Amino acid sequence: MVRFWIKHIAQLLFVILFTATFTFLLLRLAPGDPAYILLTKNDIPASEEALSAVRKELGLTESLGSQYVQWIMDIFTWQWGISYVSKEPVLEELLKRLPATIELAAAGLLVMMSVTLIIGISTAIYSTGWLDRMGRVIALLGSSIPSFWLGFLCIYVFSVRYGWLPPMGRGSWKHLVLPALTLGLGMGTVYARILRSSMLEMMNQSFVKAAKARGLSNSRILLFQVFRHAVLPIVTMLGTSFAFMLGGSIIVESIFSWPGLGKYIMKAIQLRDYPIIQGYVILSSFLFVIIHILVDFISVLIDPRLRI
């Protein structure tokens, strides 16, 4: 187990270092001058003198090597710089909006797990009936509909047409329903088909034949024996999906004006706020790797064979 944690911590450090370097280079190659954007945003004439002063204030006049070394030092000392726009520490700005993103990601994961388990298990038990055919149609629709289109559809049906749920913002649980459905419904239908296929594949294993020989029903075998073995790949994918929701819910947060990291990073990209963009990528990478480590640990607990 000690080797397990040493290996994953080394992977975490490598991923963060690689991501930090790659992000730094891409931002410097991207078009757009942060100094010019800041001046025009505040209705200040972008003269050469003003541009030079702002660039010097932001530290953009230093060499790329000096900027890179300073950025790497900031990462490992948890001092991620100051935002060009708000003049606040980057880490504080990100952590201020992280709870909203975690709340949305957790709700989306709950929707995804519910859809996966309900459709996956029911279609595996009734694999030759009308329920299985309906599950295939739902899975096909869920995997085919883009998230932004589904979000607008939910707003039109549940907010504009019937007025049941608020379309935007964050407040009560009602504000959470539509973005959570948009975030978790599509992936849930895809994983439901994977769970069904995995459970049906396990039905041909020797331990299942032995359980049938003892007179156990198919439903009991599926729920209490097959499901434990079939759920292992789903656990891995659920962890990956949750990490994706934390770092990649930009579209959903923008559609529903959810005050999380996704909406905030969109503004930072438009304003070329380099410290915020770099800090967001590092935070997302850190959370992604941590979640993967936890998923690997849970997988070892579920299947002791993986400890070898």
C-alpha atoms as a PDB file:
ATOM      1  CA  MET A   1       0.000   0.000   0.000  1.00  0.00           C
ATOM      2  CA  VAL A   2       2.932   2.358   0.649  1.00  0.00           C
ATOM      3  CA  ARG A   3       4.165   1.700  -2.875  1.00  0.00           C
ATOM      4  CA  PHE A   4       0.672   2.496  -4.145  1.00  0.00           C
ATOM      5  CA  TRP A   5       0.655   5.961  -2.582  1.00  0.00           C
ATOM      6  CA  ILE A   6       4.261   6.780  -3.550  1.00  0.00           C
ATOM      7  CA  LYS A   7       3.545   5.861  -7.153  1.00  0.00           C
ATOM      8  CA  HIS A   8       0.418   8.006  -7.355  1.00  0.00           C
ATOM      9  CA  ILE A   9       1.960  11.005  -5.613  1.00  0.00           C
ATOM     10  CA  ALA A  10       4.827  10.904  -8.133  1.00  0.00           C
ATOM     11  CA  GLN A  11       2.252  10.789 -10.928  1.00  0.00           C
ATOM     12  CA  LEU A  12       0.463  13.777  -9.394  1.00  0.00           C
ATOM     13  CA  LEU A  13       3.638  15.882  -9.336  1.00  0.00           C
ATOM     14  CA  PHE A  14       4.510  14.916 -12.906  1.00  0.00           C
ATOM     15  CA  VAL A  15       1.035  15.756 -14.221  1.00  0.00           C
ATOM     16  CA  ILE A  16       1.002  19.143 -12.490  1.00  0.00           C
ATOM     17  CA  LEU A  17       4.475  20.033 -13.795  1.00  0.00           C
ATOM     18  CA  PHE A  18       3.648  18.957 -17.340  1.00  0.00           C
ATOM     19  CA  THR A  19       0.276  20.743 -17.302  1.00  0.00           C
ATOM     20  CA  ALA A  20       1.818  23.923 -15.909  1.00  0.00           C
ATOM     21  CA  THR A  21       4.489  23.985 -18.611  1.00  0.00           C
ATOM     22  CA  PHE A  22       2.090  23.194 -21.449  1.00  0.00           C
ATOM     23  CA  THR A  23      -0.457  25.796 -20.298  1.00  0.00           C
ATOM     24  CA  PHE A  24       2.211  28.472 -19.900  1.00  0.00           C
ATOM     25  CA  LEU A  25       3.497  27.936 -23.451  1.00  0.00           C
ATOM     26  CA  LEU A  26       0.046  27.820 -25.037  1.00  0.00           C
ATOM     27  CA  LEU A  27      -1.066  31.047 -23.373  1.00  0.00           C
ATOM     28  CA  ARG A  28       2.048  32.889 -24.564  1.00  0.00           C
ATOM     29  CA  LEU A  29       1.438  31.649 -28.115  1.00  0.00           C
ATOM     30  CA  ALA A  30      -2.246  32.614 -28.100  1.00  0.00           C
ATOM     31  CA  PRO A  31      -3.222  35.865 -29.865  1.00  0.00           C
ATOM     32  CA  GLY A  32      -4.267  38.855 -27.785  1.00  0.00           C
ATOM     33  CA  ASP A  33      -2.454  41.316 -25.532  1.00  0.00           C
ATOM     34  CA  PRO A  34      -3.646  41.357 -21.890  1.00  0.00           C
ATOM     35  CA  ALA A  35      -2.460  44.945 -21.460  1.00  0.00           C
ATOM     36  CA  TYR A  36      -4.440  46.143 -24.481  1.00  0.00           C
ATOM     37  CA  ILE A  37      -7.576  44.246 -23.381  1.00  0.00           C
ATOM     38  CA  LEU A  38      -7.396  45.698 -19.854  1.00  0.00           C
ATOM     39  CA  LEU A  39      -7.005  49.248 -21.135  1.00  0.00           C
ATOM     40  CA  THR A  40      -9.858  49.015 -23.625  1.00  0.00           C
ATOM     41  CA  LYS A  41     -12.077  47.338 -21.008  1.00  0.00           C
ATOM     42  CA  ASN A  42     -11.628  50.374 -18.735  1.00  0.00           C
ATOM     43  CA  ASP A  43     -12.069  52.848 -21.635  1.00  0.00           C
ATOM     44  CA  ILE A  44      -8.452  54.015 -21.446  1.00  0.00           C
ATOM     45  CA  PRO A  45      -6.685  54.975 -24.706  1.00  0.00           C
ATOM     46  CA  ALA A  46      -4.191  52.237 -25.572  1.00  0.00           C
ATOM     47  CA  SER A  47      -1.190  54.435 -26.251  1.00  0.00           C
ATOM     48  CA  GLU A  48       2.322  52.997 -26.382  1.00  0.00           C
ATOM     49  CA  GLU A  49       3.176  54.590 -23.031  1.00  0.00           C
ATOM     50  CA  ALA A  50       0.065  53.157 -21.371  1.00  0.00           C
ATOM     51  CA  LEU A  51       0.666  49.715 -22.882  1.00  0.00           C
ATOM     52  CA  SER A  52       4.287  49.686 -21.707  1.00  0.00           C
ATOM     53  CA  ALA A  53       3.273  50.719 -18.178  1.00  0.00           C
ATOM     54  CA  VAL A  54       0.590  48.057 -17.906  1.00  0.00           C
ATOM     55  CA  ARG A  55       2.860  45.341 -19.317  1.00  0.00           C
ATOM     56  CA  LYS A  56       5.534  46.264 -16.791  1.00  0.00           C
ATOM     57  CA  GLU A  57       2.961  46.196 -13.981  1.00  0.00           C
ATOM     58  CA  LEU A  58       1.764  42.745 -15.046  1.00  0.00           C
ATOM     59  CA  GLY A  59       5.299  41.398 -15.357  1.00  0.00           C
ATOM     60  CA  LEU A  60       4.985  40.776 -19.106  1.00  0.00           C
ATOM     61  CA  THR A  61       8.165  42.680 -19.939  1.00  0.00           C
ATOM     62  CA  GLU A  62      10.331  39.998 -18.329  1.00  0.00           C
ATOM     63  CA  SER A  63      11.761  37.165 -20.409  1.00  0.00           C
ATOM     64  CA  LEU A  64       9.709  34.017 -20.929  1.00  0.00           C
ATOM     65  CA  GLY A  65      12.249  32.039 -18.952  1.00  0.00           C
ATOM     66  CA  SER A  66      11.912  34.343 -15.926  1.00  0.00           C
ATOM     67  CA  GLN A  67       8.108  34.243 -16.149  1.00  0.00           C
ATOM     68  CA  TYR A  68       8.138  30.437 -16.370  1.00  0.00           C
ATOM     69  CA  VAL A  69      10.472  29.967 -13.399  1.00  0.00           C
ATOM     70  CA  GLN A  70       8.392  32.362 -11.330  1.00  0.00           C
ATOM     71  CA  TRP A  71       5.213  30.509 -12.297  1.00  0.00           C
ATOM     72  CA  ILE A  72       6.628  27.104 -11.330  1.00  0.00           C
ATOM     73  CA  MET A  73       7.836  28.496  -7.996  1.00  0.00           C
ATOM     74  CA  ASP A  74       4.396  29.987  -7.375  1.00  0.00           C
ATOM     75  CA  ILE A  75       2.730  26.615  -7.971  1.00  0.00           C
ATOM     76  CA  PHE A  76       4.732  24.660  -5.422  1.00  0.00           C
ATOM     77  CA  THR A  77       4.525  27.458  -2.826  1.00  0.00           C
ATOM     78  CA  TRP A  78       0.735  27.781  -3.348  1.00  0.00           C
ATOM     79  CA  GLN A  79       1.133  31.417  -4.373  1.00  0.00           C
ATOM     80  CA  TRP A  80      -0.523  31.402  -7.778  1.00  0.00           C
ATOM     81  CA  GLY A  81      -0.094  35.060  -8.550  1.00  0.00           C
ATOM     82  CA  ILE A  82      -2.505  37.975  -8.724  1.00  0.00           C
ATOM     83  CA  SER A  83      -5.413  38.312 -11.141  1.00  0.00           C
ATOM     84  CA  TYR A  84      -4.873  40.924 -13.835  1.00  0.00           C
ATOM     85  CA  VAL A  85      -8.513  42.037 -13.576  1.00  0.00           C
ATOM     86  CA  SER A  86      -9.588  41.830  -9.940  1.00  0.00           C
ATOM     87  CA  LYS A  87      -6.098  42.320  -8.417  1.00  0.00           C
ATOM     88  CA  GLU A  88      -6.963  39.530  -5.966  1.00  0.00           C
ATOM     89  CA  PRO A  89      -4.902  36.376  -5.294  1.00  0.00           C
ATOM     90  CA  VAL A  90      -5.673  33.708  -7.877  1.00  0.00           C
ATOM     91  CA  LEU A  91      -6.127  30.886  -5.378  1.00  0.00           C
ATOM     92  CA  GLU A  92      -8.661  32.900  -3.366  1.00  0.00           C
ATOM     93  CA  GLU A  93     -10.617  33.757  -6.514  1.00  0.00           C
ATOM     94  CA  LEU A  94     -10.766  30.103  -7.564  1.00  0.00           C
ATOM     95  CA  LEU A  95     -11.577  28.672  -4.135  1.00  0.00           C
ATOM     96  CA  LYS A  96     -14.336  31.256  -3.753  1.00  0.00           C
ATOM     97  CA  ARG A  97     -16.160  29.745  -6.739  1.00  0.00           C
ATOM     98  CA  LEU A  98     -15.175  26.103  -6.232  1.00  0.00           C
ATOM     99  CA  PRO A  99     -18.084  25.210  -3.853  1.00  0.00           C
ATOM    100  CA  ALA A 100     -20.647  26.133  -6.519  1.00  0.00           C
ATOM    101  CA  THR A 101     -18.906  23.908  -9.063  1.00  0.00           C
ATOM    102  CA  ILE A 102     -18.618  21.025  -6.568  1.00  0.00           C
ATOM    103  CA  GLU A 103     -22.321  21.381  -5.765  1.00  0.00           C
ATOM    104  CA  LEU A 104     -23.264  21.215  -9.439  1.00  0.00           C
ATOM    105  CA  ALA A 105     -20.857  18.338 -10.151  1.00  0.00           C
ATOM    106  CA  ALA A 106     -22.180  16.332  -7.181  1.00  0.00           C
ATOM    107  CA  ALA A 107     -25.767  16.853  -8.315  1.00  0.00           C
ATOM    108  CA  GLY A 108     -24.837  15.884 -11.875  1.00  0.00           C
ATOM    109  CA  LEU A 109     -23.073  12.768 -10.568  1.00  0.00           C
ATOM    110  CA  LEU A 110     -26.176  11.831  -8.562  1.00  0.00           C
ATOM    111  CA  VAL A 111     -28.323  12.128 -11.688  1.00  0.00           C
ATOM    112  CA  MET A 112     -25.807  10.117 -13.698  1.00  0.00           C
ATOM    113  CA  MET A 113     -25.580   7.332 -11.091  1.00  0.00           C
ATOM    114  CA  SER A 114     -29.368   7.130 -10.763  1.00  0.00           C
ATOM    115  CA  VAL A 115     -29.847   6.844 -14.521  1.00  0.00           C
ATOM    116  CA  THR A 116     -26.992   4.332 -14.816  1.00  0.00           C
ATOM    117  CA  LEU A 117     -28.234   2.041 -12.072  1.00  0.00           C
ATOM    118  CA  ILE A 118     -31.951   2.199 -12.887  1.00  0.00           C
ATOM    119  CA  ILE A 119     -31.631   1.680 -16.638  1.00  0.00           C
ATOM    120  CA  GLY A 120     -28.560  -0.590 -16.490  1.00  0.00           C
ATOM    121  CA  ILE A 121     -29.877  -3.061 -13.915  1.00  0.00           C
ATOM    122  CA  SER A 122     -33.471  -3.130 -15.188  1.00  0.00           C
ATOM    123  CA  THR A 123     -32.449  -3.738 -18.813  1.00  0.00           C
ATOM    124  CA  ALA A 124     -30.014  -6.451 -17.704  1.00  0.00           C
ATOM    125  CA  ILE A 125     -32.722  -8.266 -15.749  1.00  0.00           C
ATOM    126  CA  TYR A 126     -35.252  -7.949 -18.591  1.00  0.00           C
ATOM    127  CA  SER A 127     -32.764  -8.203 -21.454  1.00  0.00           C
ATOM    128  CA  THR A 128     -35.223  -9.614 -23.988  1.00  0.00           C
ATOM    129  CA  GLY A 129     -38.342  -7.533 -23.320  1.00  0.00           C
ATOM    130  CA  TRP A 130     -39.785  -4.135 -24.161  1.00  0.00           C
ATOM    131  CA  LEU A 131     -37.932  -2.541 -21.237  1.00  0.00           C
ATOM    132  CA  ASP A 132     -34.589  -3.372 -22.824  1.00  0.00           C
ATOM    133  CA  ARG A 133     -35.659  -1.913 -26.164  1.00  0.00           C
ATOM    134  CA  MET A 134     -36.844   1.273 -24.501  1.00  0.00           C
ATOM    135  CA  GLY A 135     -33.550   1.479 -22.587  1.00  0.00           C
ATOM    136  CA  ARG A 136     -31.600   1.251 -25.859  1.00  0.00           C
ATOM    137  CA  VAL A 137     -33.623   4.102 -27.340  1.00  0.00           C
ATOM    138  CA  ILE A 138     -33.066   6.265 -24.269  1.00  0.00           C
ATOM    139  CA  ALA A 139     -29.334   5.497 -24.290  1.00  0.00           C
ATOM    140  CA  LEU A 140     -29.107   6.385 -27.978  1.00  0.00           C
ATOM    141  CA  LEU A 141     -30.915   9.679 -27.461  1.00  0.00           C
ATOM    142  CA  GLY A 142     -28.885  10.541 -24.364  1.00  0.00           C
ATOM    143  CA  SER A 143     -25.547   9.928 -26.060  1.00  0.00           C
ATOM    144  CA  SER A 144     -26.548  11.783 -29.240  1.00  0.00           C
ATOM    145  CA  ILE A 145     -27.952  15.022 -27.824  1.00  0.00           C
ATOM    146  CA  PRO A 146     -25.287  17.722 -27.194  1.00  0.00           C
ATOM    147  CA  SER A 147     -25.263  19.129 -23.676  1.00  0.00           C
ATOM    148  CA  PHE A 148     -25.830  22.728 -24.800  1.00  0.00           C
ATOM    149  CA  TRP A 149     -28.896  21.713 -26.844  1.00  0.00           C
ATOM    150  CA  LEU A 150     -30.266  19.682 -23.945  1.00  0.00           C
ATOM    151  CA  GLY A 151     -29.729  22.664 -21.631  1.00  0.00           C
ATOM    152  CA  PHE A 152     -31.668  25.028 -23.882  1.00  0.00           C
ATOM    153  CA  LEU A 153     -34.393  22.406 -24.311  1.00  0.00           C
ATOM    154  CA  CYS A 154     -34.743  22.045 -20.526  1.00  0.00           C
ATOM    155  CA  ILE A 155     -34.954  25.829 -20.116  1.00  0.00           C
ATOM    156  CA  TYR A 156     -37.643  26.069 -22.796  1.00  0.00           C
ATOM    157  CA  VAL A 157     -39.789  23.216 -21.472  1.00  0.00           C
ATOM    158  CA  PHE A 158     -39.471  23.575 -17.696  1.00  0.00           C
ATOM    159  CA  SER A 159     -38.944  27.331 -17.383  1.00  0.00           C
ATOM    160  CA  VAL A 160     -40.320  29.212 -20.378  1.00  0.00           C
ATOM    161  CA  ARG A 161     -43.289  27.031 -21.314  1.00  0.00           C
ATOM    162  CA  TYR A 162     -44.475  25.738 -17.930  1.00  0.00           C
ATOM    163  CA  GLY A 163     -42.589  27.913 -15.424  1.00  0.00           C
ATOM    164  CA  TRP A 164     -41.868  25.031 -13.060  1.00  0.00           C
ATOM    165  CA  LEU A 165     -38.184  25.717 -12.467  1.00  0.00           C
ATOM    166  CA  PRO A 166     -35.958  28.830 -12.553  1.00  0.00           C
ATOM    167  CA  PRO A 167     -33.817  29.006 -15.691  1.00  0.00           C
ATOM    168  CA  MET A 168     -30.675  30.638 -14.293  1.00  0.00           C
ATOM    169  CA  GLY A 169     -28.700  31.471 -11.166  1.00  0.00           C
ATOM    170  CA  ARG A 170     -27.944  29.685  -7.919  1.00  0.00           C
ATOM    171  CA  GLY A 171     -30.231  29.685  -4.906  1.00  0.00           C
ATOM    172  CA  SER A 172     -32.593  26.956  -3.766  1.00  0.00           C
ATOM    173  CA  TRP A 173     -32.587  23.335  -4.877  1.00  0.00           C
ATOM    174  CA  LYS A 174     -34.865  24.292  -7.771  1.00  0.00           C
ATOM    175  CA  HIS A 175     -32.006  26.226  -9.405  1.00  0.00           C
ATOM    176  CA  LEU A 176     -29.928  23.041  -9.317  1.00  0.00           C
ATOM    177  CA  VAL A 177     -32.344  20.691 -11.077  1.00  0.00           C
ATOM    178  CA  LEU A 178     -31.963  21.789 -14.699  1.00  0.00           C
ATOM    179  CA  PRO A 179     -28.150  22.132 -14.810  1.00  0.00           C
ATOM    180  CA  ALA A 180     -27.753  18.821 -12.955  1.00  0.00           C
ATOM    181  CA  LEU A 181     -30.024  17.062 -15.445  1.00  0.00           C
ATOM    182  CA  THR A 182     -28.131  18.610 -18.345  1.00  0.00           C
ATOM    183  CA  LEU A 183     -24.800  17.591 -16.878  1.00  0.00           C
ATOM    184  CA  GLY A 184     -25.597  14.026 -15.828  1.00  0.00           C
ATOM    185  CA  LEU A 185     -28.317  12.714 -18.123  1.00  0.00           C
ATOM    186  CA  GLY A 186     -26.243  12.115 -21.252  1.00  0.00           C
ATOM    187  CA  MET A 187     -23.368  10.279 -19.566  1.00  0.00           C
ATOM    188  CA  GLY A 188     -25.780   8.307 -17.385  1.00  0.00           C
ATOM    189  CA  THR A 189     -27.510   6.735 -20.380  1.00  0.00           C
ATOM    190  CA  VAL A 190     -24.160   5.769 -21.928  1.00  0.00           C
ATOM    191  CA  TYR A 191     -22.926   4.132 -18.725  1.00  0.00           C
ATOM    192  CA  ALA A 192     -26.251   2.322 -18.342  1.00  0.00           C
ATOM    193  CA  ARG A 193     -25.604   0.436 -21.572  1.00  0.00           C
ATOM    194  CA  ILE A 194     -22.070  -0.385 -20.445  1.00  0.00           C
ATOM    195  CA  LEU A 195     -23.364  -1.695 -17.114  1.00  0.00           C
ATOM    196  CA  ARG A 196     -25.986  -3.806 -18.873  1.00  0.00           C
ATOM    197  CA  SER A 197     -23.429  -5.343 -21.246  1.00  0.00           C
ATOM    198  CA  SER A 198     -21.009  -6.018 -18.400  1.00  0.00           C
ATOM    199  CA  MET A 199     -23.688  -7.705 -16.283  1.00  0.00           C
ATOM    200  CA  LEU A 200     -24.862  -9.883 -19.151  1.00  0.00           C
ATOM    201  CA  GLU A 201     -21.269 -10.876 -19.902  1.00  0.00           C
ATOM    202  CA  MET A 202     -20.800 -11.951 -16.290  1.00  0.00           C
ATOM    203  CA  MET A 203     -23.803 -14.247 -16.601  1.00  0.00           C
ATOM    204  CA  ASN A 204     -21.625 -16.700 -18.554  1.00  0.00           C
ATOM    205  CA  GLN A 205     -19.040 -17.018 -15.782  1.00  0.00           C
ATOM    206  CA  SER A 206     -18.618 -20.242 -13.794  1.00  0.00           C
ATOM    207  CA  PHE A 207     -19.688 -18.759 -10.441  1.00  0.00           C
ATOM    208  CA  VAL A 208     -23.009 -17.733 -12.025  1.00  0.00           C
ATOM    209  CA  LYS A 209     -23.574 -21.245 -13.365  1.00  0.00           C
ATOM    210  CA  ALA A 210     -22.895 -22.580  -9.881  1.00  0.00           C
ATOM    211  CA  ALA A 211     -25.431 -20.149  -8.403  1.00  0.00           C
ATOM    212  CA  LYS A 212     -28.022 -21.259 -10.955  1.00  0.00           C
ATOM    213  CA  ALA A 213     -27.328 -24.875 -10.074  1.00  0.00           C
ATOM    214  CA  ARG A 214     -28.178 -24.036  -6.459  1.00  0.00           C
ATOM    215  CA  GLY A 215     -31.594 -22.826  -7.611  1.00  0.00           C
ATOM    216  CA  LEU A 216     -31.141 -19.046  -7.274  1.00  0.00           C
ATOM    217  CA  SER A 217     -33.280 -16.850  -9.519  1.00  0.00           C
ATOM    218  CA  ASN A 218     -31.750 -14.771 -12.312  1.00  0.00           C
ATOM    219  CA  SER A 219     -32.791 -11.526 -10.624  1.00  0.00           C
ATOM    220  CA  ARG A 220     -31.096 -12.489  -7.355  1.00  0.00           C
ATOM    221  CA  ILE A 221     -27.934 -13.589  -9.159  1.00  0.00           C
ATOM    222  CA  LEU A 222     -27.795 -10.350 -11.155  1.00  0.00           C
ATOM    223  CA  LEU A 223     -28.323  -8.086  -8.172  1.00  0.00           C
ATOM    224  CA  PHE A 224     -26.210  -9.758  -5.490  1.00  0.00           C
ATOM    225  CA  GLN A 225     -23.430 -11.547  -7.397  1.00  0.00           C
ATOM    226  CA  VAL A 226     -23.074 -10.301 -10.960  1.00  0.00           C
ATOM    227  CA  PHE A 227     -23.513  -6.614 -10.098  1.00  0.00           C
ATOM    228  CA  ARG A 228     -20.515  -6.556  -7.737  1.00  0.00           C
ATOM    229  CA  HIS A 229     -18.180  -7.755 -10.485  1.00  0.00           C
ATOM    230  CA  ALA A 230     -19.789  -5.737 -13.282  1.00  0.00           C
ATOM    231  CA  VAL A 231     -19.758  -2.435 -11.401  1.00  0.00           C
ATOM    232  CA  LEU A 232     -15.945  -2.168 -11.209  1.00  0.00           C
ATOM    233  CA  PRO A 233     -15.433  -0.510 -14.633  1.00  0.00           C
ATOM    234  CA  ILE A 234     -18.414   1.735 -13.904  1.00  0.00           C
ATOM    235  CA  VAL A 235     -16.761   2.964 -10.687  1.00  0.00           C
ATOM    236  CA  THR A 236     -13.695   3.976 -12.677  1.00  0.00           C
ATOM    237  CA  MET A 237     -15.776   5.794 -15.269  1.00  0.00           C
ATOM    238  CA  LEU A 238     -17.881   7.523 -12.617  1.00  0.00           C
ATOM    239  CA  GLY A 239     -14.738   8.889 -11.019  1.00  0.00           C
ATOM    240  CA  THR A 240     -13.491  10.124 -14.384  1.00  0.00           C
ATOM    241  CA  SER A 241     -16.854  11.708 -15.107  1.00  0.00           C
ATOM    242  CA  PHE A 242     -16.951  13.494 -11.747  1.00  0.00           C
ATOM    243  CA  ALA A 243     -13.489  14.887 -12.396  1.00  0.00           C
ATOM    244  CA  PHE A 244     -14.644  15.966 -15.843  1.00  0.00           C
ATOM    245  CA  MET A 245     -17.681  17.683 -14.331  1.00  0.00           C
ATOM    246  CA  LEU A 246     -15.480  19.613 -11.922  1.00  0.00           C
ATOM    247  CA  GLY A 247     -13.123  20.835 -14.615  1.00  0.00           C
ATOM    248  CA  GLY A 248     -15.243  20.787 -17.733  1.00  0.00           C
ATOM    249  CA  SER A 249     -18.721  22.063 -16.851  1.00  0.00           C
ATOM    250  CA  ILE A 250     -18.004  25.352 -18.638  1.00  0.00           C
ATOM    251  CA  ILE A 251     -20.855  25.053 -21.148  1.00  0.00           C
ATOM    252  CA  VAL A 252     -23.487  24.100 -18.578  1.00  0.00           C
ATOM    253  CA  GLU A 253     -22.455  26.836 -16.151  1.00  0.00           C
ATOM    254  CA  SER A 254     -22.514  29.405 -18.940  1.00  0.00           C
ATOM    255  CA  ILE A 255     -25.984  28.344 -20.143  1.00  0.00           C
ATOM    256  CA  PHE A 256     -27.557  28.469 -16.677  1.00  0.00           C
ATOM    257  CA  SER A 257     -25.443  31.404 -15.353  1.00  0.00           C
ATOM    258  CA  TRP A 258     -24.188  29.163 -12.576  1.00  0.00           C
ATOM    259  CA  PRO A 259     -21.598  31.128 -10.535  1.00  0.00           C
ATOM    260  CA  GLY A 260     -18.901  28.470 -10.573  1.00  0.00           C
ATOM    261  CA  LEU A 261     -15.430  28.023 -11.997  1.00  0.00           C
ATOM    262  CA  GLY A 262     -16.640  27.311 -15.515  1.00  0.00           C
ATOM    263  CA  LYS A 263     -18.432  30.612 -15.956  1.00  0.00           C
ATOM    264  CA  TYR A 264     -15.572  32.495 -14.297  1.00  0.00           C
ATOM    265  CA  ILE A 265     -12.898  30.976 -16.512  1.00  0.00           C
ATOM    266  CA  MET A 266     -14.820  31.982 -19.633  1.00  0.00           C
ATOM    267  CA  LYS A 267     -14.514  35.628 -18.609  1.00  0.00           C
ATOM    268  CA  ALA A 268     -10.854  35.129 -17.745  1.00  0.00           C
ATOM    269  CA  ILE A 269     -10.170  33.704 -21.218  1.00  0.00           C
ATOM    270  CA  GLN A 270     -11.895  36.640 -22.893  1.00  0.00           C
ATOM    271  CA  LEU A 271      -9.820  39.104 -20.850  1.00  0.00           C
ATOM    272  CA  ARG A 272      -6.568  37.110 -21.246  1.00  0.00           C
ATOM    273  CA  ASP A 273      -6.200  36.920 -17.473  1.00  0.00           C
ATOM    274  CA  TYR A 274      -3.160  34.627 -17.584  1.00  0.00           C
ATOM    275  CA  PRO A 275      -2.813  33.948 -13.825  1.00  0.00           C
ATOM    276  CA  ILE A 276      -6.480  32.944 -13.501  1.00  0.00           C
ATOM    277  CA  ILE A 277      -6.344  30.673 -16.557  1.00  0.00           C
ATOM    278  CA  GLN A 278      -3.124  29.013 -15.409  1.00  0.00           C
ATOM    279  CA  GLY A 279      -4.426  28.589 -11.872  1.00  0.00           C
ATOM    280  CA  TYR A 280      -7.687  27.090 -13.138  1.00  0.00           C
ATOM    281  CA  VAL A 281      -5.854  24.518 -15.244  1.00  0.00           C
ATOM    282  CA  ILE A 282      -3.597  23.543 -12.335  1.00  0.00           C
ATOM    283  CA  LEU A 283      -6.521  23.269  -9.920  1.00  0.00           C
ATOM    284  CA  SER A 284      -8.482  21.160 -12.407  1.00  0.00           C
ATOM    285  CA  SER A 285      -5.481  18.890 -12.977  1.00  0.00           C
ATOM    286  CA  PHE A 286      -4.936  18.511  -9.242  1.00  0.00           C
ATOM    287  CA  LEU A 287      -8.577  17.590  -8.610  1.00  0.00           C
ATOM    288  CA  PHE A 288      -8.611  15.240 -11.606  1.00  0.00           C
ATOM    289  CA  VAL A 289      -5.568  13.284 -10.431  1.00  0.00           C
ATOM    290  CA  ILE A 290      -6.738  13.183  -6.792  1.00  0.00           C
ATOM    291  CA  ILE A 291     -10.094  11.762  -7.852  1.00  0.00           C
ATOM    292  CA  HIS A 292      -8.371   9.150 -10.005  1.00  0.00           C
ATOM    293  CA  ILE A 293      -6.206   8.114  -7.052  1.00  0.00           C
ATOM    294  CA  LEU A 294      -9.303   7.723  -4.881  1.00  0.00           C
ATOM    295  CA  VAL A 295     -11.022   5.717  -7.617  1.00  0.00           C
ATOM    296  CA  ASP A 296      -8.024   3.374  -7.856  1.00  0.00           C
ATOM    297  CA  PHE A 297      -8.091   2.949  -4.085  1.00  0.00           C
ATOM    298  CA  ILE A 298     -11.819   2.168  -4.091  1.00  0.00           C
ATOM    299  CA  SER A 299     -11.314  -0.302  -6.949  1.00  0.00           C
ATOM    300  CA  VAL A 300      -8.706  -2.133  -4.867  1.00  0.00           C
ATOM    301  CA  LEU A 301     -11.171  -2.335  -1.989  1.00  0.00           C
ATOM    302  CA  ILE A 302     -13.923  -3.694  -4.273  1.00  0.00           C
ATOM    303  CA  ASP A 303     -11.703  -6.225  -6.063  1.00  0.00           C
ATOM    304  CA  PRO A 304      -8.898  -7.597  -3.832  1.00  0.00           C
ATOM    305  CA  ARG A 305      -7.271  -9.180  -6.900  1.00  0.00           C
ATOM    306  CA  LEU A 306      -6.044  -5.723  -7.945  1.00  0.00           C
ATOM    307  CA  ARG A 307      -3.779  -5.559  -4.874  1.00  0.00           C
ATOM    308  CA  ILE A 308      -1.443  -8.012  -6.565  1.00  0.00           C
END
